[in-house]
Amino acid sequence: SAPLARGLLTDAAKDARGERVAAALAKDADAHGVSPTIIALAWVMNHASRPVALIGTQTPARIKEAAAASNVTLTRPEWYSILVASRGVPLP
């Protein structure tokens, strides 16, 4: 699935899960002084399995924003808080 859920995670969350994730992304975005989009991409890039985040834009400004995610390193608690927001429950 798309790391930004086609805008649902950063623009207008449509359900409780999306609202939780959007809030977690916004919190970390404020802490790092970047956009929630950058945090969402940084979250994917900081995953232990090292997936590659594919962005589906051709807009230069959005490509530049996406590239900025490589400069953000989330702490383990920050990364985990986004995971918990998505799952709705902590891992056992």
N, C-alpha and C. Protein backbone atom coordinates (compact mmCIF):
# COMPACT_ATOMS: atom_id res chain seq x y z
N SER A 1 0.84 -1.18 0.00
CA SER A 1 0.00 0.00 0.00
C SER A 1 0.88 1.24 0.00
N ALA A 2 0.33 2.34 -0.40
CA ALA A 2 1.08 3.60 -0.51
C ALA A 2 1.41 4.15 0.87
N PRO A 3 2.65 4.63 1.07
CA PRO A 3 3.02 5.12 2.40
C PRO A 3 2.20 6.32 2.86
N LEU A 4 1.65 7.07 1.94
CA LEU A 4 0.85 8.24 2.32
C LEU A 4 -0.64 7.99 2.14
N ALA A 5 -1.01 6.78 1.80
CA ALA A 5 -2.42 6.39 1.65
C ALA A 5 -3.19 7.39 0.79
N ARG A 6 -2.55 7.83 -0.25
CA ARG A 6 -3.17 8.77 -1.21
C ARG A 6 -3.74 10.01 -0.52
N GLY A 7 -3.01 10.51 0.47
CA GLY A 7 -3.41 11.73 1.16
C GLY A 7 -4.21 11.51 2.42
N LEU A 8 -4.72 10.30 2.64
CA LEU A 8 -5.56 10.06 3.81
C LEU A 8 -4.80 10.23 5.12
N LEU A 9 -3.50 9.93 5.12
CA LEU A 9 -2.74 10.04 6.36
C LEU A 9 -2.31 11.47 6.66
N THR A 10 -2.24 12.29 5.66
CA THR A 10 -1.72 13.63 5.89
C THR A 10 -2.73 14.73 5.60
N ASP A 11 -3.79 14.45 4.88
CA ASP A 11 -4.74 15.49 4.51
C ASP A 11 -6.04 15.42 5.30
N ALA A 12 -6.80 14.39 5.09
CA ALA A 12 -8.11 14.29 5.74
C ALA A 12 -8.39 12.85 6.12
N ALA A 13 -8.06 12.51 7.35
CA ALA A 13 -8.29 11.15 7.84
C ALA A 13 -9.78 10.86 7.82
N LYS A 14 -10.15 9.68 7.33
CA LYS A 14 -11.56 9.35 7.15
C LYS A 14 -12.12 8.43 8.24
N ASP A 15 -11.27 7.83 9.05
CA ASP A 15 -11.76 6.93 10.08
C ASP A 15 -10.89 7.06 11.33
N ALA A 16 -11.24 6.32 12.37
CA ALA A 16 -10.51 6.44 13.65
C ALA A 16 -9.05 6.08 13.49
N ARG A 17 -8.77 5.04 12.74
CA ARG A 17 -7.37 4.63 12.53
C ARG A 17 -6.60 5.74 11.83
N GLY A 18 -7.17 6.27 10.75
CA GLY A 18 -6.52 7.35 10.02
C GLY A 18 -6.30 8.57 10.88
N GLU A 19 -7.26 8.87 11.74
CA GLU A 19 -7.13 10.02 12.63
C GLU A 19 -6.00 9.80 13.64
N ARG A 20 -5.89 8.56 14.17
CA ARG A 20 -4.80 8.25 15.11
C ARG A 20 -3.45 8.40 14.43
N VAL A 21 -3.33 7.86 13.23
CA VAL A 21 -2.05 7.92 12.51
C VAL A 21 -1.73 9.36 12.14
N ALA A 22 -2.72 10.10 11.67
CA ALA A 22 -2.49 11.50 11.31
C ALA A 22 -2.03 12.29 12.52
N ALA A 23 -2.61 12.02 13.69
CA ALA A 23 -2.20 12.73 14.91
C ALA A 23 -0.77 12.37 15.30
N ALA A 24 -0.41 11.09 15.19
CA ALA A 24 0.96 10.67 15.51
C ALA A 24 1.97 11.28 14.54
N LEU A 25 1.62 11.31 13.27
CA LEU A 25 2.50 11.93 12.28
C LEU A 25 2.66 13.42 12.55
N ALA A 26 1.56 14.09 12.87
CA ALA A 26 1.61 15.53 13.14
C ALA A 26 2.47 15.84 14.37
N LYS A 27 2.35 15.01 15.40
CA LYS A 27 3.14 15.21 16.62
C LYS A 27 4.63 15.14 16.31
N ASP A 28 5.03 14.09 15.58
CA ASP A 28 6.44 13.94 15.25
C ASP A 28 6.90 15.00 14.25
N ALA A 29 6.01 15.40 13.34
CA ALA A 29 6.35 16.45 12.39
C ALA A 29 6.66 17.75 13.13
N ASP A 30 5.84 18.08 14.12
CA ASP A 30 6.10 19.28 14.92
C ASP A 30 7.43 19.17 15.64
N ALA A 31 7.71 18.00 16.21
CA ALA A 31 8.95 17.80 16.96
C ALA A 31 10.19 17.94 16.07
N HIS A 32 10.06 17.53 14.80
CA HIS A 32 11.21 17.57 13.88
C HIS A 32 11.21 18.81 12.99
N GLY A 33 10.15 19.59 13.06
CA GLY A 33 10.07 20.80 12.22
C GLY A 33 9.91 20.50 10.74
N VAL A 34 9.18 19.42 10.45
CA VAL A 34 8.95 19.03 9.05
C VAL A 34 7.45 18.73 8.87
N SER A 35 7.06 18.36 7.68
CA SER A 35 5.66 18.05 7.41
C SER A 35 5.32 16.61 7.80
N PRO A 36 4.04 16.33 8.02
CA PRO A 36 3.63 14.94 8.27
C PRO A 36 3.99 14.00 7.11
N THR A 37 4.00 14.52 5.90
CA THR A 37 4.39 13.71 4.74
C THR A 37 5.82 13.21 4.90
N ILE A 38 6.71 14.09 5.32
CA ILE A 38 8.11 13.70 5.51
C ILE A 38 8.22 12.65 6.62
N ILE A 39 7.45 12.81 7.69
CA ILE A 39 7.49 11.83 8.78
C ILE A 39 6.97 10.48 8.30
N ALA A 40 5.90 10.47 7.52
CA ALA A 40 5.36 9.21 7.00
C ALA A 40 6.40 8.48 6.15
N LEU A 41 7.07 9.22 5.29
CA LEU A 41 8.10 8.59 4.46
C LEU A 41 9.30 8.18 5.29
N ALA A 42 9.68 9.00 6.28
CA ALA A 42 10.79 8.64 7.17
C ALA A 42 10.45 7.37 7.95
N TRP A 43 9.18 7.22 8.34
CA TRP A 43 8.75 6.02 9.07
C TRP A 43 9.00 4.77 8.22
N VAL A 44 8.61 4.83 6.96
CA VAL A 44 8.85 3.70 6.06
C VAL A 44 10.35 3.45 5.92
N MET A 45 11.10 4.51 5.73
CA MET A 45 12.54 4.38 5.50
C MET A 45 13.30 3.92 6.74
N ASN A 46 12.72 4.16 7.94
CA ASN A 46 13.35 3.74 9.18
C ASN A 46 12.91 2.35 9.63
N HIS A 47 12.09 1.67 8.84
CA HIS A 47 11.66 0.31 9.17
C HIS A 47 12.86 -0.62 9.14
N ALA A 48 12.89 -1.56 10.06
CA ALA A 48 14.04 -2.46 10.18
C ALA A 48 14.32 -3.25 8.90
N SER A 49 13.30 -3.55 8.12
CA SER A 49 13.51 -4.33 6.89
C SER A 49 14.02 -3.48 5.73
N ARG A 50 14.12 -2.16 5.93
CA ARG A 50 14.63 -1.21 4.95
C ARG A 50 13.87 -1.24 3.61
N PRO A 51 12.53 -1.10 3.66
CA PRO A 51 11.79 -1.05 2.40
C PRO A 51 12.10 0.24 1.66
N VAL A 52 11.77 0.26 0.41
CA VAL A 52 11.95 1.46 -0.40
C VAL A 52 10.57 2.11 -0.56
N ALA A 53 10.48 3.36 -0.18
CA ALA A 53 9.22 4.10 -0.33
C ALA A 53 9.13 4.61 -1.77
N LEU A 54 8.13 4.14 -2.48
CA LEU A 54 7.92 4.60 -3.85
C LEU A 54 6.89 5.72 -3.82
N ILE A 55 7.24 6.84 -4.38
CA ILE A 55 6.30 7.95 -4.43
C ILE A 55 5.72 8.04 -5.82
N GLY A 56 4.46 8.38 -5.90
CA GLY A 56 3.79 8.40 -7.19
C GLY A 56 3.49 9.80 -7.67
N THR A 57 4.45 10.67 -7.55
CA THR A 57 4.23 12.05 -7.98
C THR A 57 5.26 12.44 -9.03
N GLN A 58 4.86 13.40 -9.83
CA GLN A 58 5.79 13.98 -10.79
C GLN A 58 5.95 15.47 -10.52
N THR A 59 5.36 15.92 -9.41
CA THR A 59 5.42 17.33 -9.04
C THR A 59 6.77 17.61 -8.38
N PRO A 60 7.57 18.51 -8.94
CA PRO A 60 8.90 18.77 -8.38
C PRO A 60 8.89 19.12 -6.88
N ALA A 61 7.93 19.91 -6.44
CA ALA A 61 7.88 20.28 -5.01
C ALA A 61 7.65 19.06 -4.13
N ARG A 62 6.80 18.15 -4.56
CA ARG A 62 6.54 16.94 -3.77
C ARG A 62 7.74 15.98 -3.81
N ILE A 63 8.43 15.93 -4.91
CA ILE A 63 9.63 15.09 -5.00
C ILE A 63 10.70 15.64 -4.05
N LYS A 64 10.86 16.96 -4.03
CA LYS A 64 11.82 17.58 -3.12
C LYS A 64 11.45 17.31 -1.67
N GLU A 65 10.16 17.41 -1.36
CA GLU A 65 9.69 17.13 0.00
C GLU A 65 9.98 15.68 0.37
N ALA A 66 9.71 14.76 -0.54
CA ALA A 66 9.96 13.34 -0.27
C ALA A 66 11.44 13.08 -0.03
N ALA A 67 12.29 13.74 -0.77
CA ALA A 67 13.74 13.56 -0.60
C ALA A 67 14.19 14.00 0.79
N ALA A 68 13.50 14.98 1.37
CA ALA A 68 13.87 15.47 2.70
C ALA A 68 13.67 14.40 3.78
N ALA A 69 12.87 13.40 3.50
CA ALA A 69 12.64 12.33 4.48
C ALA A 69 13.93 11.57 4.80
N SER A 70 14.86 11.56 3.87
CA SER A 70 16.13 10.85 4.12
C SER A 70 16.98 11.56 5.18
N ASN A 71 16.62 12.80 5.52
CA ASN A 71 17.35 13.55 6.53
C ASN A 71 16.72 13.43 7.92
N VAL A 72 15.64 12.67 8.04
CA VAL A 72 14.93 12.53 9.32
C VAL A 72 15.16 11.12 9.86
N THR A 73 15.65 11.07 11.09
CA THR A 73 15.79 9.80 11.78
C THR A 73 14.86 9.81 12.98
N LEU A 74 13.90 8.93 12.95
CA LEU A 74 12.96 8.82 14.07
C LEU A 74 13.59 8.02 15.19
N THR A 75 13.31 8.42 16.42
CA THR A 75 13.75 7.61 17.56
C THR A 75 12.89 6.35 17.59
N ARG A 76 13.33 5.36 18.32
CA ARG A 76 12.51 4.15 18.43
C ARG A 76 11.14 4.44 19.02
N PRO A 77 11.06 5.26 20.10
CA PRO A 77 9.72 5.57 20.62
C PRO A 77 8.84 6.31 19.61
N GLU A 78 9.41 7.22 18.82
CA GLU A 78 8.63 7.91 17.79
C GLU A 78 8.12 6.92 16.75
N TRP A 79 9.01 6.06 16.28
CA TRP A 79 8.62 5.09 15.26
C TRP A 79 7.53 4.17 15.79
N TYR A 80 7.72 3.69 17.01
CA TYR A 80 6.77 2.77 17.62
C TYR A 80 5.42 3.44 17.84
N SER A 81 5.41 4.72 18.20
CA SER A 81 4.13 5.40 18.45
C SER A 81 3.29 5.47 17.17
N ILE A 82 3.93 5.60 16.03
CA ILE A 82 3.19 5.60 14.76
C ILE A 82 2.66 4.20 14.47
N LEU A 83 3.46 3.18 14.75
CA LEU A 83 3.01 1.80 14.56
C LEU A 83 1.80 1.51 15.44
N VAL A 84 1.88 1.89 16.71
CA VAL A 84 0.77 1.66 17.64
C VAL A 84 -0.48 2.42 17.18
N ALA A 85 -0.30 3.65 16.69
CA ALA A 85 -1.43 4.42 16.18
C ALA A 85 -2.10 3.68 15.03
N SER A 86 -1.31 3.07 14.18
CA SER A 86 -1.87 2.34 13.04
C SER A 86 -2.56 1.05 13.46
N ARG A 87 -1.94 0.32 14.37
CA ARG A 87 -2.49 -0.96 14.81
C ARG A 87 -3.66 -0.78 15.76
N GLY A 88 -3.63 0.28 16.54
CA GLY A 88 -4.67 0.52 17.53
C GLY A 88 -4.38 -0.11 18.88
N VAL A 89 -3.36 -0.93 18.93
CA VAL A 89 -2.94 -1.59 20.19
C VAL A 89 -1.43 -1.76 20.17
N PRO A 90 -0.80 -1.75 21.35
CA PRO A 90 0.64 -1.99 21.40
C PRO A 90 0.97 -3.44 21.03
N LEU A 91 2.20 -3.65 20.60
CA LEU A 91 2.64 -5.02 20.34
C LEU A 91 2.79 -5.74 21.68
N PRO A 92 2.60 -7.06 21.67
CA PRO A 92 2.75 -7.82 22.92
C PRO A 92 4.19 -7.80 23.41
